[in-house]
Amino acid sequence: MAFSYSFKWLPLLLAAASLITIASADQALINSICAKARNHALCYQVLNSVSADRGGLGQISTNVALGKAQNSLNLAKNLAKKASDPRTKEQYKTCLEVYGDALDNLKDTKTSFGKKDFGTANIRASAAYTDVDTCSDEGTNIAPELKAANQENEDYIDIVLAVSNVN
């Protein structure tokens, strides 16, 4: 009898062991990704609350970057409306264009992660990063809040790049 009871708990023990293994595998992937990101704390903040494979983590991080980029596009629109200096208006116009491109590139990145096409995800995320950087480089008349938003966007896109680059 005692022998049969010990087997009764075996499936439960195996299930618990496999969950621990899955959780540690997820954490190992997240650790590997965040080691590549320039803002480690932000990376862990974005990825630690989820359990997903590399493609899923890519889609999740891209969703966050998309939201941040959309907020920055809206900020640039509002700043452009308020700007009176023609040169500053032109700088904001450039930011609007490149943020539109960044959003398109991030949408393509998300699709690529869904297909587990990490090479294309990397190319598109790199393009989005360059788009945001173009707004940052656009001039000294850019409002400080847009400069800060550009930096924040670069940090979030960098996480996307880290997901696409991890082996």
N, C-alpha and C. Protein backbone atom coordinates (compact mmCIF):
# COMPACT_ATOMS: atom_id res chain seq x y z
N MET A 1 0.80 -1.20 0.00
CA MET A 1 0.00 0.00 0.00
C MET A 1 0.84 1.26 0.00
N ALA A 2 1.82 1.32 0.88
CA ALA A 2 2.66 2.51 0.95
C ALA A 2 3.36 2.77 -0.37
N PHE A 3 3.69 1.70 -1.04
CA PHE A 3 4.38 1.82 -2.33
C PHE A 3 3.48 2.49 -3.36
N SER A 4 2.20 2.16 -3.39
CA SER A 4 1.28 2.75 -4.36
C SER A 4 1.02 4.23 -4.07
N TYR A 5 1.06 4.61 -2.81
CA TYR A 5 0.86 6.02 -2.47
C TYR A 5 2.01 6.88 -2.96
N SER A 6 3.19 6.36 -2.94
CA SER A 6 4.33 7.16 -3.40
C SER A 6 4.22 7.46 -4.90
N PHE A 7 3.65 6.55 -5.67
CA PHE A 7 3.45 6.83 -7.10
C PHE A 7 2.29 7.79 -7.34
N LYS A 8 1.39 7.85 -6.40
CA LYS A 8 0.24 8.74 -6.52
C LYS A 8 0.70 10.20 -6.61
N TRP A 9 1.76 10.55 -5.96
CA TRP A 9 2.27 11.92 -5.95
C TRP A 9 3.27 12.21 -7.07
N LEU A 10 3.69 11.18 -7.77
CA LEU A 10 4.69 11.34 -8.82
C LEU A 10 4.24 12.31 -9.92
N PRO A 11 3.03 12.21 -10.46
CA PRO A 11 2.62 13.17 -11.50
C PRO A 11 2.65 14.62 -11.00
N LEU A 12 2.24 14.83 -9.77
CA LEU A 12 2.25 16.17 -9.21
C LEU A 12 3.69 16.69 -9.08
N LEU A 13 4.58 15.85 -8.63
CA LEU A 13 5.99 16.24 -8.51
C LEU A 13 6.60 16.54 -9.87
N LEU A 14 6.29 15.72 -10.85
CA LEU A 14 6.80 15.95 -12.21
C LEU A 14 6.26 17.25 -12.80
N ALA A 15 4.99 17.52 -12.57
CA ALA A 15 4.39 18.75 -13.05
C ALA A 15 5.05 19.97 -12.40
N ALA A 16 5.28 19.91 -11.11
CA ALA A 16 5.93 21.01 -10.40
C ALA A 16 7.36 21.21 -10.91
N ALA A 17 8.06 20.13 -11.13
CA ALA A 17 9.44 20.22 -11.63
C ALA A 17 9.48 20.82 -13.02
N SER A 18 8.51 20.47 -13.87
CA SER A 18 8.50 21.02 -15.23
C SER A 18 8.16 22.51 -15.21
N LEU A 19 7.28 22.94 -14.31
CA LEU A 19 6.97 24.37 -14.18
C LEU A 19 8.19 25.16 -13.73
N ILE A 20 8.93 24.61 -12.80
CA ILE A 20 10.15 25.27 -12.33
C ILE A 20 11.15 25.37 -13.47
N THR A 21 11.27 24.32 -14.26
CA THR A 21 12.19 24.32 -15.39
C THR A 21 11.77 25.36 -16.42
N ILE A 22 10.47 25.44 -16.73
CA ILE A 22 9.97 26.42 -17.69
C ILE A 22 10.23 27.83 -17.18
N ALA A 23 9.93 28.07 -15.91
CA ALA A 23 10.13 29.40 -15.33
C ALA A 23 11.60 29.79 -15.37
N SER A 24 12.49 28.85 -15.06
CA SER A 24 13.91 29.18 -15.08
C SER A 24 14.41 29.38 -16.50
N ALA A 25 13.83 28.65 -17.47
CA ALA A 25 14.20 28.85 -18.87
C ALA A 25 13.76 30.22 -19.33
N ASP A 26 12.53 30.63 -18.98
CA ASP A 26 12.05 31.97 -19.31
C ASP A 26 12.96 33.03 -18.69
N GLN A 27 13.32 32.84 -17.43
CA GLN A 27 14.17 33.82 -16.75
C GLN A 27 15.56 33.85 -17.38
N ALA A 28 16.07 32.71 -17.79
CA ALA A 28 17.38 32.68 -18.44
C ALA A 28 17.34 33.46 -19.76
N LEU A 29 16.25 33.32 -20.52
CA LEU A 29 16.09 34.07 -21.77
C LEU A 29 16.01 35.57 -21.49
N ILE A 30 15.22 35.94 -20.50
CA ILE A 30 15.09 37.36 -20.14
C ILE A 30 16.44 37.91 -19.67
N ASN A 31 17.15 37.15 -18.86
CA ASN A 31 18.49 37.60 -18.41
C ASN A 31 19.42 37.82 -19.59
N SER A 32 19.38 36.91 -20.54
CA SER A 32 20.23 37.01 -21.73
C SER A 32 19.86 38.24 -22.55
N ILE A 33 18.57 38.49 -22.70
CA ILE A 33 18.11 39.66 -23.46
C ILE A 33 18.51 40.95 -22.75
N CYS A 34 18.20 41.04 -21.48
CA CYS A 34 18.44 42.28 -20.73
C CYS A 34 19.93 42.57 -20.56
N ALA A 35 20.77 41.54 -20.62
CA ALA A 35 22.21 41.77 -20.58
C ALA A 35 22.67 42.54 -21.81
N LYS A 36 21.94 42.42 -22.92
CA LYS A 36 22.28 43.11 -24.16
C LYS A 36 21.69 44.52 -24.24
N ALA A 37 20.65 44.79 -23.45
CA ALA A 37 19.99 46.09 -23.49
C ALA A 37 20.83 47.12 -22.72
N ARG A 38 20.80 48.35 -23.19
CA ARG A 38 21.60 49.37 -22.51
C ARG A 38 20.97 49.81 -21.19
N ASN A 39 19.65 49.71 -21.08
CA ASN A 39 18.96 50.06 -19.84
C ASN A 39 18.42 48.76 -19.25
N HIS A 40 19.26 48.09 -18.45
CA HIS A 40 18.92 46.78 -17.91
C HIS A 40 17.64 46.82 -17.05
N ALA A 41 17.53 47.82 -16.20
CA ALA A 41 16.38 47.91 -15.29
C ALA A 41 15.08 48.05 -16.07
N LEU A 42 15.08 48.88 -17.10
CA LEU A 42 13.89 49.07 -17.93
C LEU A 42 13.54 47.76 -18.64
N CYS A 43 14.54 47.07 -19.14
CA CYS A 43 14.33 45.80 -19.82
C CYS A 43 13.64 44.80 -18.89
N TYR A 44 14.16 44.66 -17.68
CA TYR A 44 13.54 43.74 -16.72
C TYR A 44 12.12 44.18 -16.38
N GLN A 45 11.91 45.47 -16.29
CA GLN A 45 10.57 46.00 -15.98
C GLN A 45 9.58 45.60 -17.09
N VAL A 46 10.01 45.68 -18.34
CA VAL A 46 9.14 45.35 -19.47
C VAL A 46 8.91 43.85 -19.58
N LEU A 47 9.94 43.05 -19.39
CA LEU A 47 9.86 41.62 -19.70
C LEU A 47 9.60 40.69 -18.52
N ASN A 48 9.90 41.10 -17.31
CA ASN A 48 9.82 40.19 -16.17
C ASN A 48 8.41 39.76 -15.81
N SER A 49 7.42 40.50 -16.20
CA SER A 49 6.06 40.17 -15.76
C SER A 49 5.35 39.20 -16.70
N VAL A 50 6.05 38.70 -17.71
CA VAL A 50 5.41 37.83 -18.69
C VAL A 50 6.16 36.50 -18.82
N SER A 51 5.45 35.52 -19.32
CA SER A 51 6.06 34.23 -19.63
C SER A 51 5.82 33.97 -21.11
N ALA A 52 6.88 34.03 -21.90
CA ALA A 52 6.73 33.86 -23.34
C ALA A 52 8.05 33.41 -23.93
N ASP A 53 7.97 32.89 -25.14
CA ASP A 53 9.19 32.54 -25.86
C ASP A 53 9.78 33.82 -26.47
N ARG A 54 10.86 33.67 -27.19
CA ARG A 54 11.56 34.83 -27.75
C ARG A 54 10.65 35.66 -28.67
N GLY A 55 9.89 34.99 -29.52
CA GLY A 55 8.97 35.71 -30.41
C GLY A 55 7.92 36.48 -29.62
N GLY A 56 7.40 35.86 -28.57
CA GLY A 56 6.41 36.53 -27.73
C GLY A 56 6.99 37.71 -26.98
N LEU A 57 8.21 37.55 -26.46
CA LEU A 57 8.88 38.67 -25.79
C LEU A 57 9.14 39.81 -26.78
N GLY A 58 9.46 39.45 -28.01
CA GLY A 58 9.66 40.46 -29.04
C GLY A 58 8.39 41.23 -29.32
N GLN A 59 7.28 40.52 -29.42
CA GLN A 59 6.01 41.19 -29.67
C GLN A 59 5.60 42.08 -28.49
N ILE A 60 5.82 41.59 -27.29
CA ILE A 60 5.48 42.37 -26.10
C ILE A 60 6.32 43.64 -26.03
N SER A 61 7.62 43.51 -26.21
CA SER A 61 8.49 44.70 -26.14
C SER A 61 8.19 45.65 -27.29
N THR A 62 7.83 45.12 -28.44
CA THR A 62 7.48 45.99 -29.58
C THR A 62 6.17 46.72 -29.31
N ASN A 63 5.20 46.06 -28.69
CA ASN A 63 3.95 46.74 -28.32
C ASN A 63 4.22 47.94 -27.42
N VAL A 64 5.09 47.76 -26.46
CA VAL A 64 5.42 48.86 -25.55
C VAL A 64 6.09 49.99 -26.34
N ALA A 65 7.04 49.64 -27.21
CA ALA A 65 7.72 50.65 -28.02
C ALA A 65 6.75 51.36 -28.95
N LEU A 66 5.79 50.63 -29.50
CA LEU A 66 4.77 51.25 -30.36
C LEU A 66 3.96 52.30 -29.59
N GLY A 67 3.56 51.96 -28.38
CA GLY A 67 2.80 52.91 -27.56
C GLY A 67 3.59 54.16 -27.26
N LYS A 68 4.86 53.99 -26.92
CA LYS A 68 5.73 55.14 -26.63
C LYS A 68 5.93 55.99 -27.88
N ALA A 69 6.13 55.35 -29.03
CA ALA A 69 6.33 56.10 -30.28
C ALA A 69 5.06 56.87 -30.66
N GLN A 70 3.91 56.26 -30.45
CA GLN A 70 2.65 56.96 -30.76
C GLN A 70 2.48 58.17 -29.86
N ASN A 71 2.82 58.03 -28.58
CA ASN A 71 2.74 59.18 -27.67
C ASN A 71 3.68 60.29 -28.11
N SER A 72 4.86 59.93 -28.59
CA SER A 72 5.83 60.94 -29.04
C SER A 72 5.36 61.61 -30.32
N LEU A 73 4.74 60.86 -31.20
CA LEU A 73 4.16 61.45 -32.42
C LEU A 73 3.10 62.47 -32.04
N ASN A 74 2.24 62.12 -31.09
CA ASN A 74 1.20 63.05 -30.63
C ASN A 74 1.82 64.29 -30.00
N LEU A 75 2.88 64.11 -29.23
CA LEU A 75 3.58 65.24 -28.62
C LEU A 75 4.15 66.15 -29.71
N ALA A 76 4.79 65.57 -30.71
CA ALA A 76 5.36 66.37 -31.81
C ALA A 76 4.28 67.14 -32.55
N LYS A 77 3.11 66.52 -32.75
CA LYS A 77 1.99 67.21 -33.40
C LYS A 77 1.57 68.43 -32.59
N ASN A 78 1.42 68.24 -31.28
CA ASN A 78 1.01 69.35 -30.42
C ASN A 78 2.05 70.46 -30.40
N LEU A 79 3.32 70.09 -30.34
CA LEU A 79 4.38 71.10 -30.35
C LEU A 79 4.44 71.83 -31.68
N ALA A 80 4.20 71.14 -32.77
CA ALA A 80 4.22 71.77 -34.09
C ALA A 80 3.11 72.80 -34.21
N LYS A 81 1.95 72.49 -33.65
CA LYS A 81 0.82 73.43 -33.69
C LYS A 81 1.13 74.71 -32.92
N LYS A 82 1.88 74.59 -31.84
CA LYS A 82 2.18 75.74 -30.99
C LYS A 82 3.39 76.54 -31.45
N ALA A 83 4.22 75.94 -32.29
CA ALA A 83 5.45 76.61 -32.71
C ALA A 83 5.15 77.78 -33.64
N SER A 84 5.83 78.91 -33.40
CA SER A 84 5.64 80.08 -34.25
C SER A 84 6.83 80.30 -35.18
N ASP A 85 7.99 79.86 -34.78
CA ASP A 85 9.20 80.00 -35.58
C ASP A 85 9.17 79.01 -36.75
N PRO A 86 9.33 79.48 -38.00
CA PRO A 86 9.28 78.57 -39.15
C PRO A 86 10.33 77.45 -39.10
N ARG A 87 11.50 77.77 -38.60
CA ARG A 87 12.55 76.75 -38.53
C ARG A 87 12.17 75.64 -37.53
N THR A 88 11.62 76.05 -36.42
CA THR A 88 11.18 75.07 -35.41
C THR A 88 10.03 74.24 -35.95
N LYS A 89 9.09 74.89 -36.64
CA LYS A 89 7.97 74.16 -37.25
C LYS A 89 8.49 73.09 -38.22
N GLU A 90 9.51 73.45 -38.99
CA GLU A 90 10.10 72.51 -39.96
C GLU A 90 10.76 71.33 -39.23
N GLN A 91 11.41 71.62 -38.12
CA GLN A 91 12.02 70.55 -37.34
C GLN A 91 10.95 69.59 -36.81
N TYR A 92 9.85 70.13 -36.33
CA TYR A 92 8.77 69.27 -35.84
C TYR A 92 8.13 68.49 -36.99
N LYS A 93 8.06 69.10 -38.16
CA LYS A 93 7.52 68.41 -39.33
C LYS A 93 8.39 67.18 -39.64
N THR A 94 9.70 67.36 -39.58
CA THR A 94 10.60 66.22 -39.79
C THR A 94 10.36 65.15 -38.75
N CYS A 95 10.19 65.54 -37.49
CA CYS A 95 9.92 64.57 -36.42
C CYS A 95 8.62 63.82 -36.68
N LEU A 96 7.60 64.54 -37.16
CA LEU A 96 6.33 63.87 -37.47
C LEU A 96 6.53 62.81 -38.55
N GLU A 97 7.29 63.15 -39.57
CA GLU A 97 7.54 62.20 -40.66
C GLU A 97 8.30 60.97 -40.16
N VAL A 98 9.37 61.21 -39.41
CA VAL A 98 10.19 60.08 -39.00
C VAL A 98 9.48 59.23 -37.93
N TYR A 99 8.65 59.85 -37.10
CA TYR A 99 7.88 59.04 -36.14
C TYR A 99 6.82 58.21 -36.87
N GLY A 100 6.26 58.74 -37.93
CA GLY A 100 5.36 57.93 -38.76
C GLY A 100 6.09 56.72 -39.33
N ASP A 101 7.31 56.96 -39.81
CA ASP A 101 8.14 55.85 -40.32
C ASP A 101 8.49 54.87 -39.21
N ALA A 102 8.82 55.40 -38.03
CA ALA A 102 9.16 54.53 -36.89
C ALA A 102 7.98 53.63 -36.54
N LEU A 103 6.77 54.18 -36.53
CA LEU A 103 5.59 53.37 -36.23
C LEU A 103 5.41 52.26 -37.26
N ASP A 104 5.59 52.60 -38.54
CA ASP A 104 5.49 51.58 -39.59
C ASP A 104 6.54 50.49 -39.40
N ASN A 105 7.76 50.90 -39.10
CA ASN A 105 8.84 49.93 -38.89
C ASN A 105 8.57 49.05 -37.67
N LEU A 106 8.04 49.63 -36.61
CA LEU A 106 7.74 48.83 -35.41
C LEU A 106 6.59 47.86 -35.67
N LYS A 107 5.61 48.27 -36.46
CA LYS A 107 4.52 47.34 -36.81
C LYS A 107 5.08 46.16 -37.60
N ASP A 108 5.99 46.44 -38.53
CA ASP A 108 6.64 45.37 -39.28
C ASP A 108 7.49 44.49 -38.37
N THR A 109 8.12 45.11 -37.39
CA THR A 109 8.93 44.36 -36.42
C THR A 109 8.05 43.36 -35.66
N LYS A 110 6.91 43.83 -35.21
CA LYS A 110 5.99 42.97 -34.45
C LYS A 110 5.53 41.78 -35.31
N THR A 111 5.21 42.06 -36.56
CA THR A 111 4.81 40.99 -37.48
C THR A 111 5.94 39.97 -37.65
N SER A 112 7.15 40.47 -37.78
CA SER A 112 8.31 39.59 -37.96
C SER A 112 8.54 38.71 -36.74
N PHE A 113 8.38 39.28 -35.55
CA PHE A 113 8.50 38.46 -34.33
C PHE A 113 7.44 37.37 -34.31
N GLY A 114 6.24 37.70 -34.76
CA GLY A 114 5.17 36.71 -34.80
C GLY A 114 5.51 35.54 -35.72
N LYS A 115 6.28 35.81 -36.76
CA LYS A 115 6.71 34.77 -37.71
C LYS A 115 8.04 34.13 -37.29
N LYS A 116 8.56 34.56 -36.16
CA LYS A 116 9.88 34.08 -35.67
C LYS A 116 11.00 34.43 -36.65
N ASP A 117 10.80 35.53 -37.39
CA ASP A 117 11.79 36.01 -38.35
C ASP A 117 12.60 37.11 -37.64
N PHE A 118 13.57 36.67 -36.85
CA PHE A 118 14.31 37.59 -35.99
C PHE A 118 15.25 38.50 -36.77
N GLY A 119 15.74 38.05 -37.91
CA GLY A 119 16.60 38.89 -38.75
C GLY A 119 15.85 40.09 -39.28
N THR A 120 14.65 39.87 -39.81
CA THR A 120 13.84 40.98 -40.31
C THR A 120 13.39 41.87 -39.15
N ALA A 121 13.05 41.27 -38.02
CA ALA A 121 12.68 42.06 -36.84
C ALA A 121 13.81 42.99 -36.47
N ASN A 122 15.04 42.50 -36.52
CA ASN A 122 16.20 43.31 -36.18
C ASN A 122 16.37 44.47 -37.17
N ILE A 123 16.23 44.19 -38.44
CA ILE A 123 16.38 45.23 -39.48
C ILE A 123 15.34 46.32 -39.29
N ARG A 124 14.09 45.92 -39.06
CA ARG A 124 13.01 46.90 -38.91
C ARG A 124 13.14 47.70 -37.61
N ALA A 125 13.54 47.02 -36.53
CA ALA A 125 13.74 47.73 -35.27
C ALA A 125 14.90 48.70 -35.38
N SER A 126 15.95 48.31 -36.08
CA SER A 126 17.09 49.21 -36.31
C SER A 126 16.65 50.45 -37.09
N ALA A 127 15.79 50.24 -38.08
CA ALA A 127 15.27 51.36 -38.86
C ALA A 127 14.44 52.29 -37.98
N ALA A 128 13.62 51.71 -37.09
CA ALA A 128 12.81 52.52 -36.17
C ALA A 128 13.71 53.34 -35.25
N TYR A 129 14.78 52.72 -34.77
CA TYR A 129 15.73 53.41 -33.90
C TYR A 129 16.35 54.60 -34.65
N THR A 130 16.73 54.38 -35.90
CA THR A 130 17.31 55.46 -36.72
C THR A 130 16.29 56.57 -36.94
N ASP A 131 15.03 56.20 -37.16
CA ASP A 131 13.98 57.21 -37.33
C ASP A 131 13.88 58.11 -36.11
N VAL A 132 13.84 57.51 -34.94
CA VAL A 132 13.74 58.28 -33.70
C VAL A 132 14.99 59.14 -33.51
N ASP A 133 16.14 58.58 -33.82
CA ASP A 133 17.40 59.31 -33.70
C ASP A 133 17.43 60.51 -34.63
N THR A 134 16.80 60.40 -35.79
CA THR A 134 16.72 61.52 -36.73
C THR A 134 15.98 62.68 -36.10
N CYS A 135 14.91 62.40 -35.38
CA CYS A 135 14.19 63.48 -34.69
C CYS A 135 15.08 64.10 -33.62
N SER A 136 15.83 63.28 -32.93
CA SER A 136 16.75 63.79 -31.89
C SER A 136 17.80 64.71 -32.48
N ASP A 137 18.26 64.38 -33.67
CA ASP A 137 19.32 65.15 -34.33
C ASP A 137 18.80 66.38 -35.06
N GLU A 138 17.51 66.59 -35.03
CA GLU A 138 16.90 67.59 -35.89
C GLU A 138 17.23 69.03 -35.52
N GLY A 139 17.67 69.30 -34.34
CA GLY A 139 18.06 70.67 -34.04
C GLY A 139 17.95 71.03 -32.58
N THR A 140 18.46 72.19 -32.28
CA THR A 140 18.49 72.65 -30.89
C THR A 140 17.18 73.28 -30.46
N ASN A 141 16.29 73.53 -31.40
CA ASN A 141 15.02 74.17 -31.05
C ASN A 141 13.94 73.17 -30.63
N ILE A 142 14.28 71.90 -30.63
CA ILE A 142 13.33 70.88 -30.21
C ILE A 142 13.06 71.04 -28.71
N ALA A 143 11.80 70.97 -28.34
CA ALA A 143 11.41 71.13 -26.94
C ALA A 143 12.06 70.03 -26.08
N PRO A 144 12.43 70.38 -24.85
CA PRO A 144 13.06 69.39 -23.96
C PRO A 144 12.22 68.14 -23.75
N GLU A 145 10.89 68.30 -23.69
CA GLU A 145 10.04 67.12 -23.47
C GLU A 145 10.08 66.17 -24.67
N LEU A 146 10.26 66.69 -25.89
CA LEU A 146 10.39 65.81 -27.05
C LEU A 146 11.77 65.17 -27.08
N LYS A 147 12.79 65.91 -26.68
CA LYS A 147 14.12 65.31 -26.58
C LYS A 147 14.11 64.15 -25.58
N ALA A 148 13.44 64.34 -24.45
CA ALA A 148 13.34 63.29 -23.44
C ALA A 148 12.54 62.11 -23.98
N ALA A 149 11.47 62.40 -24.71
CA ALA A 149 10.66 61.32 -25.30
C ALA A 149 11.47 60.54 -26.33
N ASN A 150 12.30 61.24 -27.09
CA ASN A 150 13.16 60.56 -28.07
C ASN A 150 14.11 59.59 -27.36
N GLN A 151 14.70 60.05 -26.28
CA GLN A 151 15.61 59.19 -25.51
C GLN A 151 14.88 57.98 -24.96
N GLU A 152 13.69 58.20 -24.43
CA GLU A 152 12.89 57.11 -23.89
C GLU A 152 12.55 56.10 -25.00
N ASN A 153 12.17 56.61 -26.17
CA ASN A 153 11.87 55.72 -27.30
C ASN A 153 13.08 54.90 -27.69
N GLU A 154 14.25 55.52 -27.72
CA GLU A 154 15.47 54.78 -28.06
C GLU A 154 15.71 53.66 -27.04
N ASP A 155 15.46 53.94 -25.78
CA ASP A 155 15.63 52.91 -24.75
C ASP A 155 14.69 51.72 -24.96
N TYR A 156 13.43 52.01 -25.30
CA TYR A 156 12.47 50.94 -25.51
C TYR A 156 12.77 50.16 -26.79
N ILE A 157 13.15 50.86 -27.85
CA ILE A 157 13.50 50.17 -29.10
C ILE A 157 14.77 49.36 -28.90
N ASP A 158 15.67 49.82 -28.05
CA ASP A 158 16.87 49.06 -27.76
C ASP A 158 16.53 47.70 -27.14
N ILE A 159 15.48 47.63 -26.34
CA ILE A 159 15.03 46.35 -25.79
C ILE A 159 14.55 45.44 -26.92
N VAL A 160 13.80 46.01 -27.85
CA VAL A 160 13.34 45.24 -29.01
C VAL A 160 14.54 44.69 -29.78
N LEU A 161 15.54 45.53 -29.96
CA LEU A 161 16.76 45.09 -30.65
C LEU A 161 17.46 43.97 -29.88
N ALA A 162 17.48 44.08 -28.57
CA ALA A 162 18.12 43.04 -27.75
C ALA A 162 17.39 41.70 -27.92
N VAL A 163 16.07 41.74 -27.98
CA VAL A 163 15.30 40.50 -28.20
C VAL A 163 15.66 39.91 -29.57
N SER A 164 15.75 40.76 -30.57
CA SER A 164 16.02 40.26 -31.92
C SER A 164 17.45 39.74 -32.06
N ASN A 165 18.36 40.19 -31.21
CA ASN A 165 19.77 39.82 -31.31
C ASN A 165 20.20 38.68 -30.41
N VAL A 166 19.39 38.29 -29.46
CA VAL A 166 19.80 37.25 -28.51
C VAL A 166 19.87 35.90 -29.23
N ASN A 167 20.81 35.09 -28.82
CA ASN A 167 20.93 33.75 -29.43
C ASN A 167 20.39 32.68 -28.52
